[in-house]
């Protein structure tokens, strides 16, 4: 992902601590925070990797619920601070054509 972003002309920082949710990649010029989420842990809808283990189901449901809630809270807080939050899912990380078009451009999208 990082090399695809760099080839596309983006300059970024990694794991900036001062931002909510500690984003994986930060594009300061565009005030954009990129989260690379694992499909299993963050429950990517309709993804084959987002299965629920058959044992300790109650534990896993609560764990997934709290992860999703934390993700939403981080995105809301970033928006409140004037940042854009972009999520790239584990299953699409290798296919830069899927997620690169969600990145901001110089025109402000």
Protein backbone atom coordinates (compact mmCIF):
# COMPACT_ATOMS: atom_id res chain seq x y z
CA UNK A 1 0.00 0.00 0.00
CA UNK A 2 2.67 2.49 0.95
CA UNK A 3 4.56 2.03 -2.31
CA UNK A 4 1.34 2.43 -4.33
CA UNK A 5 0.57 5.66 -2.46
CA UNK A 6 4.10 6.93 -3.03
CA UNK A 7 3.98 6.06 -6.76
CA UNK A 8 0.68 7.96 -6.98
CA UNK A 9 2.45 11.05 -5.60
CA UNK A 10 1.24 10.98 -2.01
CA UNK A 11 3.59 11.78 0.85
CA UNK A 12 2.60 10.45 4.22
CA UNK A 13 3.45 9.73 7.82
CA UNK A 14 2.92 6.46 9.65
CA UNK A 15 1.01 5.90 12.90
CA UNK A 16 0.68 9.52 13.97
CA UNK A 17 0.03 9.33 17.70
CA UNK A 18 -1.71 12.68 18.12
CA UNK A 19 -4.76 11.75 16.04
CA UNK A 20 -7.80 9.80 17.24
CA UNK A 21 -7.53 6.09 16.53
CA UNK A 22 -3.83 6.38 15.70
CA UNK A 23 -4.25 6.01 11.91
CA UNK A 24 -1.96 3.65 10.02
CA UNK A 25 -1.18 6.24 7.34
CA UNK A 26 -1.62 10.01 7.53
CA UNK A 27 -1.68 12.33 4.51
CA UNK A 28 -1.06 15.69 6.23
CA UNK A 29 -1.37 17.78 3.05
CA UNK A 30 -4.93 16.48 2.55
CA UNK A 31 -5.83 16.17 6.26
CA UNK A 32 -6.68 12.53 5.61
CA UNK A 33 -6.21 9.59 7.96
CA UNK A 34 -6.08 6.10 6.46
CA UNK A 35 -6.97 3.06 8.53
CA UNK A 36 -5.98 -0.35 7.21
CA UNK A 37 -8.49 -2.68 8.84
CA UNK A 38 -8.28 -6.43 9.09
CA UNK A 39 -11.54 -7.89 7.77
CA UNK A 40 -11.81 -10.36 10.66
CA UNK A 41 -11.18 -7.90 13.50
CA UNK A 42 -13.16 -4.97 12.13
CA UNK A 43 -16.01 -6.98 10.52
CA UNK A 44 -15.85 -6.13 6.83
CA UNK A 45 -19.40 -6.73 5.61
CA UNK A 46 -19.95 -9.63 3.21
CA UNK A 47 -16.27 -10.56 3.32
CA UNK A 48 -15.23 -14.18 3.56
CA UNK A 49 -12.56 -13.23 6.12
CA UNK A 50 -15.12 -11.73 8.54
CA UNK A 51 -16.32 -15.02 9.98
CA UNK A 52 -17.26 -15.57 13.61
CA UNK A 53 -15.42 -18.35 15.48
CA UNK A 54 -17.63 -21.20 16.63
CA UNK A 55 -16.30 -21.25 20.20
CA UNK A 56 -16.76 -18.47 22.78
CA UNK A 57 -19.31 -16.79 20.52
CA UNK A 58 -20.44 -14.27 23.15
CA UNK A 59 -16.84 -13.16 23.74
CA UNK A 60 -16.21 -12.68 20.02
CA UNK A 61 -19.45 -10.79 19.42
CA UNK A 62 -18.58 -8.35 22.21
CA UNK A 63 -15.00 -8.01 20.97
CA UNK A 64 -16.16 -7.25 17.41
CA UNK A 65 -18.84 -4.84 18.65
CA UNK A 66 -16.31 -2.87 20.69
CA UNK A 67 -13.87 -2.74 17.75
CA UNK A 68 -16.56 -1.40 15.43
CA UNK A 69 -17.70 1.14 18.02
CA UNK A 70 -14.12 2.35 18.53
CA UNK A 71 -13.66 2.65 14.73
CA UNK A 72 -16.80 4.80 14.43
CA UNK A 73 -15.77 6.93 17.40
CA UNK A 74 -12.31 7.56 15.89
CA UNK A 75 -13.78 8.52 12.50
CA UNK A 76 -16.29 10.89 14.14
CA UNK A 77 -13.57 12.55 16.20
CA UNK A 78 -11.36 12.96 13.13
CA UNK A 79 -14.22 14.59 11.20
CA UNK A 80 -14.85 16.90 14.15
CA UNK A 81 -11.19 17.96 13.93
CA UNK A 82 -11.51 18.65 10.21
CA UNK A 83 -9.92 15.44 8.95
CA UNK A 84 -11.21 12.85 6.50
CA UNK A 85 -11.07 9.19 7.55
CA UNK A 86 -10.58 6.53 4.87
CA UNK A 87 -10.77 2.80 5.53
CA UNK A 88 -8.88 0.32 3.40
CA UNK A 89 -9.84 -3.28 4.05
CA UNK A 90 -7.31 -6.10 4.28
CA UNK A 91 -8.95 -7.97 1.39
CA UNK A 92 -8.55 -5.01 -0.98
CA UNK A 93 -5.10 -3.79 0.09
CA UNK A 94 -3.33 -5.63 -2.74
CA UNK A 95 -5.66 -4.11 -5.36
CA UNK A 96 -4.69 -0.45 -5.36
CA UNK A 97 -7.28 0.32 -8.05
CA UNK A 98 -10.00 -0.39 -5.45
CA UNK A 99 -8.82 1.92 -2.71
CA UNK A 100 -6.69 4.57 -4.46
CA UNK A 101 -9.76 6.28 -5.90
CA UNK A 102 -10.96 6.92 -2.31
CA UNK A 103 -7.85 8.96 -1.61
CA UNK A 104 -8.13 12.76 -1.77
CA UNK A 105 -6.95 14.71 -4.80
CA UNK A 106 -5.57 18.19 -5.19
CA UNK A 107 -9.10 19.29 -6.17
CA UNK A 108 -10.36 18.48 -2.70
CA UNK A 109 -12.19 15.14 -3.15
